[in-house]
Every structure is written in structure tokens, then in C-alpha cells.
């Protein structure tokens, strides 16, 4: 399967491509730091072609090769060079986004109260 590097798929389309249900993708997203779908402001997930390739590999490890979740996490994260530093960097980015959203929300609330 060939994927365009600039294309993104919704969770339902991605689930169809991978051959699992959407809740499985959400679960894997929590376990594998290599999967990083973009999210719209409304929280809708958009998976890149890179995410889809990783998801296909995860499915193969779990369903065909008999890996446990923990074993697959170790295998995928080592293969994709996910280090503690990169995990912390990703977490810091998410924390900064949350902080900015909270600040914007607070400004809107103050603006509408006064």
C-alpha cells in the first residue's frame, strides 16, 4: 500500500485500512509514543501515512507474531528511536498547548464576565 506523505486519514478510515476498530487505535495511541495523530480543535484525530505504517507494523507484531503489548511497545519504540528525551519533548509540547488553551480560555471568560 502506498501512502502520500502529505495525506491524513480520519480514525474511521485508518481503522478500516488497519483492519481493527477505532477504539483499538485509541488504545494503541496511548501505549505507543511513535503514534502521534494530529488532532483538530474539536479533538478529531487525523493519522499520517507514517502513523498508518507504524500501526500496520503494530498489528502484525500483535496479531501475527504473537508479541504482547509491552513487547511490541519495546520493539516499536526502539526501532523508531523513541528515547526518554523525545518522549519528554512530546509531553512538553502537549503541556504547552494545554497551558496556552487554558490561558486563552481564561482571557475569554474574563472578557465576557467584565
PDB file of N, CA and C in Angstrom:
ATOM      1  N   UNK A   1       0.837  -1.176   0.000  1.00  0.00           N
ATOM      2  CA  UNK A   1       0.000   0.000   0.000  1.00  0.00           C
ATOM      3  C   UNK A   1       0.890   1.249   0.000  1.00  0.00           C
ATOM      4  N   UNK A   2       0.620   2.194  -0.866  1.00  0.00           N
ATOM      5  CA  UNK A   2       1.415   3.415  -0.956  1.00  0.00           C
ATOM      6  C   UNK A   2       0.597   4.566  -0.375  1.00  0.00           C
ATOM      7  N   UNK A   3       1.249   5.317   0.505  1.00  0.00           N
ATOM      8  CA  UNK A   3       0.585   6.451   1.140  1.00  0.00           C
ATOM      9  C   UNK A   3       1.335   7.721   0.803  1.00  0.00           C
ATOM     10  N   UNK A   4       0.603   8.761   0.538  1.00  0.00           N
ATOM     11  CA  UNK A   4       1.172  10.075   0.282  1.00  0.00           C
ATOM     12  C   UNK A   4       1.612  10.665   1.614  1.00  0.00           C
ATOM     13  N   UNK A   5       2.835  11.190   1.684  1.00  0.00           N
ATOM     14  CA  UNK A   5       3.353  11.734   2.937  1.00  0.00           C
ATOM     15  C   UNK A   5       2.558  12.928   3.448  1.00  0.00           C
ATOM     16  N   UNK A   6       1.825  13.589   2.554  1.00  0.00           N
ATOM     17  CA  UNK A   6       1.077  14.770   2.974  1.00  0.00           C
ATOM     18  C   UNK A   6      -0.390  14.463   3.235  1.00  0.00           C
ATOM     19  N   UNK A   7      -0.786  13.206   3.083  1.00  0.00           N
ATOM     20  CA  UNK A   7      -2.190  12.869   3.278  1.00  0.00           C
ATOM     21  C   UNK A   7      -2.449  12.439   4.715  1.00  0.00           C
ATOM     22  N   UNK A   8      -3.654  12.709   5.164  1.00  0.00           N
ATOM     23  CA  UNK A   8      -4.066  12.337   6.507  1.00  0.00           C
ATOM     24  C   UNK A   8      -5.409  11.635   6.414  1.00  0.00           C
ATOM     25  N   UNK A   9      -5.606  10.662   7.292  1.00  0.00           N
ATOM     26  CA  UNK A   9      -6.849   9.902   7.308  1.00  0.00           C
ATOM     27  C   UNK A   9      -7.518  10.028   8.663  1.00  0.00           C
ATOM     28  N   UNK A  10      -8.833  10.038   8.645  1.00  0.00           N
ATOM     29  CA  UNK A  10      -9.589  10.071   9.905  1.00  0.00           C
ATOM     30  C   UNK A  10      -9.419   8.740  10.620  1.00  0.00           C
ATOM     31  N   UNK A  11      -9.851   8.689  11.862  1.00  0.00           N
ATOM     32  CA  UNK A  11      -9.710   7.463  12.637  1.00  0.00           C
ATOM     33  C   UNK A  11     -10.534   6.330  12.037  1.00  0.00           C
ATOM     34  N   UNK A  12     -11.718   6.642  11.524  1.00  0.00           N
ATOM     35  CA  UNK A  12     -12.547   5.571  10.953  1.00  0.00           C
ATOM     36  C   UNK A  12     -11.922   5.013   9.672  1.00  0.00           C
ATOM     37  N   UNK A  13     -11.379   5.882   8.840  1.00  0.00           N
ATOM     38  CA  UNK A  13     -10.717   5.422   7.609  1.00  0.00           C
ATOM     39  C   UNK A  13      -9.448   4.638   7.951  1.00  0.00           C
ATOM     40  N   UNK A  14      -8.697   5.135   8.920  1.00  0.00           N
ATOM     41  CA  UNK A  14      -7.477   4.451   9.350  1.00  0.00           C
ATOM     42  C   UNK A  14      -7.807   3.083   9.935  1.00  0.00           C
ATOM     43  N   UNK A  15      -8.860   3.010  10.737  1.00  0.00           N
ATOM     44  CA  UNK A  15      -9.275   1.732  11.332  1.00  0.00           C
ATOM     45  C   UNK A  15      -9.605   0.722  10.234  1.00  0.00           C
ATOM     46  N   UNK A  16     -10.249   1.197   9.178  1.00  0.00           N
ATOM     47  CA  UNK A  16     -10.585   0.320   8.044  1.00  0.00           C
ATOM     48  C   UNK A  16      -9.319  -0.176   7.349  1.00  0.00           C
ATOM     49  N   UNK A  17      -8.365   0.734   7.139  1.00  0.00           N
ATOM     50  CA  UNK A  17      -7.099   0.379   6.485  1.00  0.00           C
ATOM     51  C   UNK A  17      -6.350  -0.666   7.314  1.00  0.00           C
ATOM     52  N   UNK A  18      -6.297  -0.450   8.625  1.00  0.00           N
ATOM     53  CA  UNK A  18      -5.543  -1.338   9.515  1.00  0.00           C
ATOM     54  C   UNK A  18      -6.299  -2.648   9.730  1.00  0.00           C
ATOM     55  N   UNK A  19      -7.616  -2.578   9.742  1.00  0.00           N
ATOM     56  CA  UNK A  19      -8.418  -3.772   9.964  1.00  0.00           C
ATOM     57  C   UNK A  19      -8.738  -4.017  11.421  1.00  0.00           C
ATOM     58  N   UNK A  20      -8.840  -2.923  12.180  1.00  0.00           N
ATOM     59  CA  UNK A  20      -9.233  -3.003  13.588  1.00  0.00           C
ATOM     60  C   UNK A  20     -10.300  -1.945  13.844  1.00  0.00           C
ATOM     61  N   UNK A  21     -10.892  -1.981  15.025  1.00  0.00           N
ATOM     62  CA  UNK A  21     -11.895  -0.969  15.365  1.00  0.00           C
ATOM     63  C   UNK A  21     -11.224   0.297  15.894  1.00  0.00           C
ATOM     64  N   UNK A  22     -11.952   1.392  15.851  1.00  0.00           N
ATOM     65  CA  UNK A  22     -11.414   2.696  16.250  1.00  0.00           C
ATOM     66  C   UNK A  22     -10.899   2.708  17.683  1.00  0.00           C
ATOM     67  N   UNK A  23     -11.610   2.018  18.590  1.00  0.00           N
ATOM     68  CA  UNK A  23     -11.169   2.038  19.995  1.00  0.00           C
ATOM     69  C   UNK A  23      -9.805   1.359  20.162  1.00  0.00           C
ATOM     70  N   UNK A  24      -9.470   0.430  19.283  1.00  0.00           N
ATOM     71  CA  UNK A  24      -8.158  -0.220  19.332  1.00  0.00           C
ATOM     72  C   UNK A  24      -7.079   0.798  18.987  1.00  0.00           C
ATOM     73  N   UNK A  25      -7.335   1.627  17.978  1.00  0.00           N
ATOM     74  CA  UNK A  25      -6.362   2.663  17.598  1.00  0.00           C
ATOM     75  C   UNK A  25      -6.155   3.657  18.730  1.00  0.00           C
ATOM     76  N   UNK A  26      -7.240   4.048  19.404  1.00  0.00           N
ATOM     77  CA  UNK A  26      -7.111   4.978  20.530  1.00  0.00           C
ATOM     78  C   UNK A  26      -6.299   4.353  21.661  1.00  0.00           C
ATOM     79  N   UNK A  27      -6.501   3.052  21.900  1.00  0.00           N
ATOM     80  CA  UNK A  27      -5.737   2.349  22.928  1.00  0.00           C
ATOM     81  C   UNK A  27      -4.259   2.299  22.553  1.00  0.00           C
ATOM     82  N   UNK A  28      -3.975   1.911  21.303  1.00  0.00           N
ATOM     83  CA  UNK A  28      -2.585   1.840  20.857  1.00  0.00           C
ATOM     84  C   UNK A  28      -1.916   3.210  20.928  1.00  0.00           C
ATOM     85  N   UNK A  29      -2.661   4.244  20.631  1.00  0.00           N
ATOM     86  CA  UNK A  29      -2.123   5.611  20.678  1.00  0.00           C
ATOM     87  C   UNK A  29      -1.610   5.949  22.077  1.00  0.00           C
ATOM     88  N   UNK A  30      -2.288   5.434  23.095  1.00  0.00           N
ATOM     89  CA  UNK A  30      -1.868   5.678  24.480  1.00  0.00           C
ATOM     90  C   UNK A  30      -0.620   4.877  24.839  1.00  0.00           C
ATOM     91  N   UNK A  31      -0.445   3.727  24.224  1.00  0.00           N
ATOM     92  CA  UNK A  31       0.664   2.835  24.575  1.00  0.00           C
ATOM     93  C   UNK A  31       1.937   3.106  23.775  1.00  0.00           C
ATOM     94  N   UNK A  32       1.795   3.485  22.510  1.00  0.00           N
ATOM     95  CA  UNK A  32       2.947   3.653  21.621  1.00  0.00           C
ATOM     96  C   UNK A  32       3.189   5.138  21.369  1.00  0.00           C
ATOM     97  N   UNK A  33       4.322   5.633  21.847  1.00  0.00           N
ATOM     98  CA  UNK A  33       4.636   7.048  21.670  1.00  0.00           C
ATOM     99  C   UNK A  33       4.949   7.382  20.214  1.00  0.00           C
ATOM    100  N   UNK A  34       5.212   6.356  19.405  1.00  0.00           N
ATOM    101  CA  UNK A  34       5.517   6.567  17.994  1.00  0.00           C
ATOM    102  C   UNK A  34       4.289   6.991  17.195  1.00  0.00           C
ATOM    103  N   UNK A  35       3.109   6.676  17.706  1.00  0.00           N
ATOM    104  CA  UNK A  35       1.867   7.041  17.013  1.00  0.00           C
ATOM    105  C   UNK A  35       1.469   8.427  17.514  1.00  0.00           C
ATOM    106  N   UNK A  36       1.404   9.349  16.600  1.00  0.00           N
ATOM    107  CA  UNK A  36       1.123  10.721  17.005  1.00  0.00           C
ATOM    108  C   UNK A  36       0.174  11.384  16.010  1.00  0.00           C
ATOM    109  N   UNK A  37      -1.124  11.020  16.054  1.00  0.00           N
ATOM    110  CA  UNK A  37      -2.045  11.644  15.106  1.00  0.00           C
ATOM    111  C   UNK A  37      -2.243  13.125  15.429  1.00  0.00           C
ATOM    112  N   UNK A  38      -2.464  13.891  14.406  1.00  0.00           N
ATOM    113  CA  UNK A  38      -2.799  15.302  14.610  1.00  0.00           C
ATOM    114  C   UNK A  38      -4.243  15.354  15.061  1.00  0.00           C
ATOM    115  N   UNK A  39      -4.559  16.350  15.884  1.00  0.00           N
ATOM    116  CA  UNK A  39      -5.936  16.484  16.359  1.00  0.00           C
ATOM    117  C   UNK A  39      -6.440  17.877  16.024  1.00  0.00           C
ATOM    118  N   UNK A  40      -7.685  17.911  15.580  1.00  0.00           N
ATOM    119  CA  UNK A  40      -8.309  19.199  15.293  1.00  0.00           C
ATOM    120  C   UNK A  40      -8.718  19.828  16.623  1.00  0.00           C
ATOM    121  N   UNK A  41      -9.165  21.055  16.574  1.00  0.00           N
ATOM    122  CA  UNK A  41      -9.602  21.725  17.801  1.00  0.00           C
ATOM    123  C   UNK A  41     -10.752  20.975  18.470  1.00  0.00           C
ATOM    124  N   UNK A  42     -11.542  20.290  17.668  1.00  0.00           N
ATOM    125  CA  UNK A  42     -12.662  19.528  18.226  1.00  0.00           C
ATOM    126  C   UNK A  42     -12.217  18.160  18.741  1.00  0.00           C
ATOM    127  N   UNK A  43     -10.926  17.806  18.558  1.00  0.00           N
ATOM    128  CA  UNK A  43     -10.402  16.549  19.059  1.00  0.00           C
ATOM    129  C   UNK A  43     -10.418  15.410  18.060  1.00  0.00           C
ATOM    130  N   UNK A  44     -10.821  15.698  16.833  1.00  0.00           N
ATOM    131  CA  UNK A  44     -10.861  14.655  15.801  1.00  0.00           C
ATOM    132  C   UNK A  44      -9.440  14.289  15.387  1.00  0.00           C
ATOM    133  N   UNK A  45      -9.156  12.993  15.318  1.00  0.00           N
ATOM    134  CA  UNK A  45      -7.818  12.508  15.009  1.00  0.00           C
ATOM    135  C   UNK A  45      -7.613  12.382  13.498  1.00  0.00           C
ATOM    136  N   UNK A  46      -6.405  12.759  13.060  1.00  0.00           N
ATOM    137  CA  UNK A  46      -6.004  12.599  11.674  1.00  0.00           C
ATOM    138  C   UNK A  46      -4.639  11.916  11.657  1.00  0.00           C
ATOM    139  N   UNK A  47      -4.617  10.694  11.108  1.00  0.00           N
ATOM    140  CA  UNK A  47      -3.403   9.888  11.076  1.00  0.00           C
ATOM    141  C   UNK A  47      -2.628  10.128   9.786  1.00  0.00           C
ATOM    142  N   UNK A  48      -1.318  10.310   9.917  1.00  0.00           N
ATOM    143  CA  UNK A  48      -0.455  10.493   8.752  1.00  0.00           C
ATOM    144  C   UNK A  48      -0.105   9.134   8.153  1.00  0.00           C
ATOM    145  N   UNK A  49       0.510   9.167   6.987  1.00  0.00           N
ATOM    146  CA  UNK A  49       0.935   7.912   6.358  1.00  0.00           C
ATOM    147  C   UNK A  49       1.983   7.209   7.232  1.00  0.00           C
ATOM    148  N   UNK A  50       2.813   7.988   7.925  1.00  0.00           N
ATOM    149  CA  UNK A  50       3.812   7.408   8.841  1.00  0.00           C
ATOM    150  C   UNK A  50       3.108   6.677   9.987  1.00  0.00           C
ATOM    151  N   UNK A  51       2.078   7.310  10.554  1.00  0.00           N
ATOM    152  CA  UNK A  51       1.302   6.674  11.620  1.00  0.00           C
ATOM    153  C   UNK A  51       0.690   5.362  11.131  1.00  0.00           C
ATOM    154  N   UNK A  52       0.155   5.375   9.916  1.00  0.00           N
ATOM    155  CA  UNK A  52      -0.502   4.191   9.369  1.00  0.00           C
ATOM    156  C   UNK A  52       0.506   3.056   9.181  1.00  0.00           C
ATOM    157  N   UNK A  53       1.699   3.380   8.706  1.00  0.00           N
ATOM    158  CA  UNK A  53       2.740   2.355   8.545  1.00  0.00           C
ATOM    159  C   UNK A  53       3.106   1.742   9.898  1.00  0.00           C
ATOM    160  N   UNK A  54       3.238   2.573  10.905  1.00  0.00           N
ATOM    161  CA  UNK A  54       3.560   2.079  12.253  1.00  0.00           C
ATOM    162  C   UNK A  54       2.414   1.222  12.783  1.00  0.00           C
ATOM    163  N   UNK A  55       1.178   1.671  12.570  1.00  0.00           N
ATOM    164  CA  UNK A  55       0.019   0.904  13.025  1.00  0.00           C
ATOM    165  C   UNK A  55      -0.058  -0.465  12.354  1.00  0.00           C
ATOM    166  N   UNK A  56       0.249  -0.516  11.065  1.00  0.00           N
ATOM    167  CA  UNK A  56       0.263  -1.800  10.360  1.00  0.00           C
ATOM    168  C   UNK A  56       1.328  -2.725  10.950  1.00  0.00           C
ATOM    169  N   UNK A  57       2.470  -2.164  11.303  1.00  0.00           N
ATOM    170  CA  UNK A  57       3.544  -2.953  11.920  1.00  0.00           C
ATOM    171  C   UNK A  57       3.115  -3.446  13.301  1.00  0.00           C
ATOM    172  N   UNK A  58       2.467  -2.591  14.075  1.00  0.00           N
ATOM    173  CA  UNK A  58       1.988  -2.978  15.403  1.00  0.00           C
ATOM    174  C   UNK A  58       0.994  -4.126  15.289  1.00  0.00           C
ATOM    175  N   UNK A  59       0.075  -4.004  14.343  1.00  0.00           N
ATOM    176  CA  UNK A  59      -0.920  -5.068  14.157  1.00  0.00           C
ATOM    177  C   UNK A  59      -0.233  -6.383  13.819  1.00  0.00           C
ATOM    178  N   UNK A  60       0.762  -6.325  12.949  1.00  0.00           N
ATOM    179  CA  UNK A  60       1.481  -7.544  12.574  1.00  0.00           C
ATOM    180  C   UNK A  60       2.191  -8.150  13.786  1.00  0.00           C
ATOM    181  N   UNK A  61       2.839  -7.308  14.585  1.00  0.00           N
ATOM    182  CA  UNK A  61       3.533  -7.804  15.774  1.00  0.00           C
ATOM    183  C   UNK A  61       2.562  -8.477  16.739  1.00  0.00           C
ATOM    184  N   UNK A  62       1.424  -7.831  16.974  1.00  0.00           N
ATOM    185  CA  UNK A  62       0.469  -8.336  17.957  1.00  0.00           C
ATOM    186  C   UNK A  62      -0.332  -9.523  17.446  1.00  0.00           C
ATOM    187  N   UNK A  63      -0.819  -9.442  16.238  1.00  0.00           N
ATOM    188  CA  UNK A  63      -1.773 -10.427  15.739  1.00  0.00           C
ATOM    189  C   UNK A  63      -1.124 -11.611  15.026  1.00  0.00           C
ATOM    190  N   UNK A  64       0.030 -11.375  14.397  1.00  0.00           N
ATOM    191  CA  UNK A  64       0.659 -12.449  13.625  1.00  0.00           C
ATOM    192  C   UNK A  64       1.900 -13.025  14.300  1.00  0.00           C
ATOM    193  N   UNK A  65       2.678 -12.152  14.940  1.00  0.00           N
ATOM    194  CA  UNK A  65       3.938 -12.605  15.516  1.00  0.00           C
ATOM    195  C   UNK A  65       3.839 -12.929  17.003  1.00  0.00           C
ATOM    196  N   UNK A  66       2.684 -12.708  17.602  1.00  0.00           N
ATOM    197  CA  UNK A  66       2.449 -13.110  18.984  1.00  0.00           C
ATOM    198  C   UNK A  66       3.091 -12.252  20.057  1.00  0.00           C
ATOM    199  N   UNK A  67       3.445 -11.020  19.734  1.00  0.00           N
ATOM    200  CA  UNK A  67       4.021 -10.118  20.729  1.00  0.00           C
ATOM    201  C   UNK A  67       2.949  -9.716  21.746  1.00  0.00           C
ATOM    202  N   UNK A  68       3.382  -9.443  22.969  1.00  0.00           N
ATOM    203  CA  UNK A  68       2.494  -8.808  23.944  1.00  0.00           C
ATOM    204  C   UNK A  68       2.519  -7.316  23.651  1.00  0.00           C
ATOM    205  N   UNK A  69       1.608  -6.578  24.260  1.00  0.00           N
ATOM    206  CA  UNK A  69       1.613  -5.114  24.086  1.00  0.00           C
ATOM    207  C   UNK A  69       2.956  -4.551  24.538  1.00  0.00           C
ATOM    208  N   UNK A  70       3.409  -4.980  25.724  1.00  0.00           N
ATOM    209  CA  UNK A  70       4.669  -4.467  26.266  1.00  0.00           C
ATOM    210  C   UNK A  70       5.839  -4.792  25.339  1.00  0.00           C
ATOM    211  N   UNK A  71       5.871  -6.010  24.821  1.00  0.00           N
ATOM    212  CA  UNK A  71       6.933  -6.400  23.897  1.00  0.00           C
ATOM    213  C   UNK A  71       6.892  -5.599  22.614  1.00  0.00           C
ATOM    214  N   UNK A  72       5.692  -5.375  22.099  1.00  0.00           N
ATOM    215  CA  UNK A  72       5.542  -4.588  20.875  1.00  0.00           C
ATOM    216  C   UNK A  72       5.943  -3.132  21.113  1.00  0.00           C
ATOM    217  N   UNK A  73       5.586  -2.600  22.275  1.00  0.00           N
ATOM    218  CA  UNK A  73       5.969  -1.218  22.618  1.00  0.00           C
ATOM    219  C   UNK A  73       7.488  -1.104  22.613  1.00  0.00           C
ATOM    220  N   UNK A  74       8.161  -2.041  23.297  1.00  0.00           N
ATOM    221  CA  UNK A  74       9.629  -2.010  23.333  1.00  0.00           C
ATOM    222  C   UNK A  74      10.225  -2.124  21.939  1.00  0.00           C
ATOM    223  N   UNK A  75       9.692  -3.020  21.131  1.00  0.00           N
ATOM    224  CA  UNK A  75      10.201  -3.235  19.780  1.00  0.00           C
ATOM    225  C   UNK A  75      10.003  -1.994  18.916  1.00  0.00           C
ATOM    226  N   UNK A  76       8.801  -1.467  18.886  1.00  0.00           N
ATOM    227  CA  UNK A  76       8.478  -0.303  18.030  1.00  0.00           C
ATOM    228  C   UNK A  76       9.241   0.930  18.492  1.00  0.00           C
ATOM    229  N   UNK A  77       9.220   1.194  19.797  1.00  0.00           N
ATOM    230  CA  UNK A  77       9.875   2.407  20.290  1.00  0.00           C
ATOM    231  C   UNK A  77      11.387   2.360  20.089  1.00  0.00           C
ATOM    232  N   UNK A  78      11.999   1.186  20.248  1.00  0.00           N
ATOM    233  CA  UNK A  78      13.438   1.072  19.990  1.00  0.00           C
ATOM    234  C   UNK A  78      13.723   1.229  18.509  1.00  0.00           C
ATOM    235  N   UNK A  79      12.884   0.619  17.674  1.00  0.00           N
ATOM    236  CA  UNK A  79      13.077   0.700  16.226  1.00  0.00           C
ATOM    237  C   UNK A  79      12.959   2.144  15.739  1.00  0.00           C
ATOM    238  N   UNK A  80      12.051   2.889  16.345  1.00  0.00           N
ATOM    239  CA  UNK A  80      11.835   4.275  15.927  1.00  0.00           C
ATOM    240  C   UNK A  80      12.641   5.263  16.757  1.00  0.00           C
ATOM    241  N   UNK A  81      13.605   4.738  17.541  1.00  0.00           N
ATOM    242  CA  UNK A  81      14.481   5.570  18.373  1.00  0.00           C
ATOM    243  C   UNK A  81      13.718   6.541  19.255  1.00  0.00           C
ATOM    244  N   UNK A  82      12.687   6.040  19.889  1.00  0.00           N
ATOM    245  CA  UNK A  82      11.960   6.868  20.840  1.00  0.00           C
ATOM    246  C   UNK A  82      12.714   6.790  22.152  1.00  0.00           C
ATOM    247  N   UNK A  83      13.307   7.899  22.521  1.00  0.00           N
ATOM    248  CA  UNK A  83      14.079   7.953  23.757  1.00  0.00           C
ATOM    249  C   UNK A  83      13.285   8.712  24.808  1.00  0.00           C
ATOM    250  N   UNK A  84      13.774   8.635  26.022  1.00  0.00           N
ATOM    251  CA  UNK A  84      13.136   9.385  27.104  1.00  0.00           C
ATOM    252  C   UNK A  84      13.107  10.865  26.765  1.00  0.00           C
ATOM    253  N   UNK A  85      14.182  11.342  26.131  1.00  0.00           N
ATOM    254  CA  UNK A  85      14.253  12.756  25.758  1.00  0.00           C
ATOM    255  C   UNK A  85      13.157  13.126  24.763  1.00  0.00           C
ATOM    256  N   UNK A  86      12.933  12.290  23.755  1.00  0.00           N
ATOM    257  CA  UNK A  86      11.910  12.607  22.762  1.00  0.00           C
ATOM    258  C   UNK A  86      10.511  12.478  23.359  1.00  0.00           C
ATOM    259  N   UNK A  87      10.328  11.526  24.281  1.00  0.00           N
ATOM    260  CA  UNK A  87       9.041  11.394  24.958  1.00  0.00           C
ATOM    261  C   UNK A  87       8.773  12.635  25.805  1.00  0.00           C
ATOM    262  N   UNK A  88       9.797  13.067  26.549  1.00  0.00           N
ATOM    263  CA  UNK A  88       9.649  14.273  27.362  1.00  0.00           C
ATOM    264  C   UNK A  88       9.386  15.494  26.491  1.00  0.00           C
ATOM    265  N   UNK A  89      10.033  15.556  25.341  1.00  0.00           N
ATOM    266  CA  UNK A  89       9.808  16.665  24.418  1.00  0.00           C
ATOM    267  C   UNK A  89       8.361  16.678  23.932  1.00  0.00           C
ATOM    268  N   UNK A  90       7.837  15.508  23.576  1.00  0.00           N
ATOM    269  CA  UNK A  90       6.445  15.411  23.123  1.00  0.00           C
ATOM    270  C   UNK A  90       5.489  15.804  24.240  1.00  0.00           C
ATOM    271  N   UNK A  91       5.784  15.366  25.456  1.00  0.00           N
ATOM    272  CA  UNK A  91       4.940  15.723  26.602  1.00  0.00           C
ATOM    273  C   UNK A  91       4.991  17.225  26.866  1.00  0.00           C
ATOM    274  N   UNK A  92       6.180  17.818  26.751  1.00  0.00           N
ATOM    275  CA  UNK A  92       6.310  19.261  26.960  1.00  0.00           C
ATOM    276  C   UNK A  92       5.513  20.045  25.924  1.00  0.00           C
ATOM    277  N   UNK A  93       5.515  19.582  24.690  1.00  0.00           N
ATOM    278  CA  UNK A  93       4.739  20.241  23.634  1.00  0.00           C
ATOM    279  C   UNK A  93       3.257  20.193  23.992  1.00  0.00           C
ATOM    280  N   UNK A  94       2.784  19.008  24.422  1.00  0.00           N
ATOM    281  CA  UNK A  94       1.374  18.869  24.788  1.00  0.00           C
ATOM    282  C   UNK A  94       1.027  19.739  25.997  1.00  0.00           C
ATOM    283  N   UNK A  95       1.922  19.799  26.972  1.00  0.00           N
ATOM    284  CA  UNK A  95       1.689  20.627  28.159  1.00  0.00           C
ATOM    285  C   UNK A  95       1.619  22.096  27.762  1.00  0.00           C
ATOM    286  N   UNK A  96       2.504  22.524  26.863  1.00  0.00           N
ATOM    287  CA  UNK A  96       2.479  23.919  26.401  1.00  0.00           C
ATOM    288  C   UNK A  96       1.181  24.241  25.663  1.00  0.00           C
ATOM    289  N   UNK A  97       0.703  23.303  24.843  1.00  0.00           N
ATOM    290  CA  UNK A  97      -0.565  23.522  24.139  1.00  0.00           C
ATOM    291  C   UNK A  97      -1.708  23.653  25.134  1.00  0.00           C
ATOM    292  N   UNK A  98      -1.726  22.777  26.131  1.00  0.00           N
ATOM    293  CA  UNK A  98      -2.784  22.821  27.156  1.00  0.00           C
ATOM    294  C   UNK A  98      -2.721  24.131  27.921  1.00  0.00           C
ATOM    295  N   UNK A  99      -1.525  24.539  28.296  1.00  0.00           N
ATOM    296  CA  UNK A  99      -1.353  25.789  29.032  1.00  0.00           C
ATOM    297  C   UNK A  99      -1.852  26.973  28.214  1.00  0.00           C
ATOM    298  N   UNK A 100      -1.500  26.998  26.930  1.00  0.00           N
ATOM    299  CA  UNK A 100      -1.950  28.091  26.056  1.00  0.00           C
ATOM    300  C   UNK A 100      -3.469  28.104  25.915  1.00  0.00           C
ATOM    301  N   UNK A 101      -4.069  26.915  25.782  1.00  0.00           N
ATOM    302  CA  UNK A 101      -5.526  26.837  25.685  1.00  0.00           C
ATOM    303  C   UNK A 101      -6.189  27.325  26.969  1.00  0.00           C
ATOM    304  N   UNK A 102      -5.619  26.969  28.108  1.00  0.00           N
ATOM    305  CA  UNK A 102      -6.165  27.434  29.392  1.00  0.00           C
ATOM    306  C   UNK A 102      -6.056  28.957  29.517  1.00  0.00           C
ATOM    307  N   UNK A 103      -4.930  29.506  29.083  1.00  0.00           N
ATOM    308  CA  UNK A 103      -4.751  30.958  29.128  1.00  0.00           C
ATOM    309  C   UNK A 103      -5.767  31.655  28.228  1.00  0.00           C
ATOM    310  N   UNK A 104      -5.948  31.124  27.014  1.00  0.00           N
ATOM    311  CA  UNK A 104      -6.919  31.704  26.089  1.00  0.00           C
ATOM    312  C   UNK A 104      -8.330  31.613  26.649  1.00  0.00           C
ATOM    313  N   UNK A 105      -8.646  30.469  27.250  1.00  0.00           N
ATOM    314  CA  UNK A 105      -9.962  30.281  27.857  1.00  0.00           C
ATOM    315  C   UNK A 105     -10.194  31.251  28.996  1.00  0.00           C
ATOM    316  N   UNK A 106      -9.180  31.444  29.816  1.00  0.00           N
ATOM    317  CA  UNK A 106      -9.282  32.380  30.944  1.00  0.00           C
ATOM    318  C   UNK A 106      -9.506  33.802  30.440  1.00  0.00           C
ATOM    319  N   UNK A 107      -8.786  34.188  29.380  1.00  0.00           N
ATOM    320  CA  UNK A 107      -8.962  35.521  28.798  1.00  0.00           C
ATOM    321  C   UNK A 107     -10.389  35.710  28.288  1.00  0.00           C
ATOM    322  N   UNK A 108     -10.918  34.677  27.621  1.00  0.00           N
ATOM    323  CA  UNK A 108     -12.296  34.753  27.098  1.00  0.00           C
ATOM    324  C   UNK A 108     -13.306  34.875  28.228  1.00  0.00           C
ATOM    325  N   UNK A 109     -13.100  34.130  29.267  1.00  0.00           N
ATOM    326  CA  UNK A 109     -14.015  34.165  30.418  1.00  0.00           C
ATOM    327  C   UNK A 109     -13.974  35.551  31.042  1.00  0.00           C
ATOM    328  N   UNK A 110     -12.776  36.077  31.284  1.00  0.00           N
ATOM    329  CA  UNK A 110     -12.635  37.411  31.888  1.00  0.00           C
ATOM    330  C   UNK A 110     -13.278  38.467  30.994  1.00  0.00           C
ATOM    331  N   UNK A 111     -13.076  38.347  29.706  1.00  0.00           N
ATOM    332  CA  UNK A 111     -13.605  39.312  28.747  1.00  0.00           C
ATOM    333  C   UNK A 111     -15.134  39.311  28.783  1.00  0.00           C
ATOM    334  N   UNK A 112     -15.734  38.116  28.904  1.00  0.00           N
ATOM    335  CA  UNK A 112     -17.199  38.011  28.882  1.00  0.00           C
ATOM    336  C   UNK A 112     -17.839  38.297  30.234  1.00  0.00           C
ATOM    337  N   UNK A 113     -17.067  38.198  31.313  1.00  0.00           N
ATOM    338  CA  UNK A 113     -17.627  38.482  32.651  1.00  0.00           C
ATOM    339  C   UNK A 113     -17.647  39.972  32.905  1.00  0.00           C
ATOM    340  N   UNK A 114     -16.580  40.651  32.523  1.00  0.00           N
ATOM    341  CA  UNK A 114     -16.469  42.079  32.842  1.00  0.00           C
ATOM    342  C   UNK A 114     -17.021  42.942  31.783  1.00  0.00           C
TER     343      UNK A 114
END
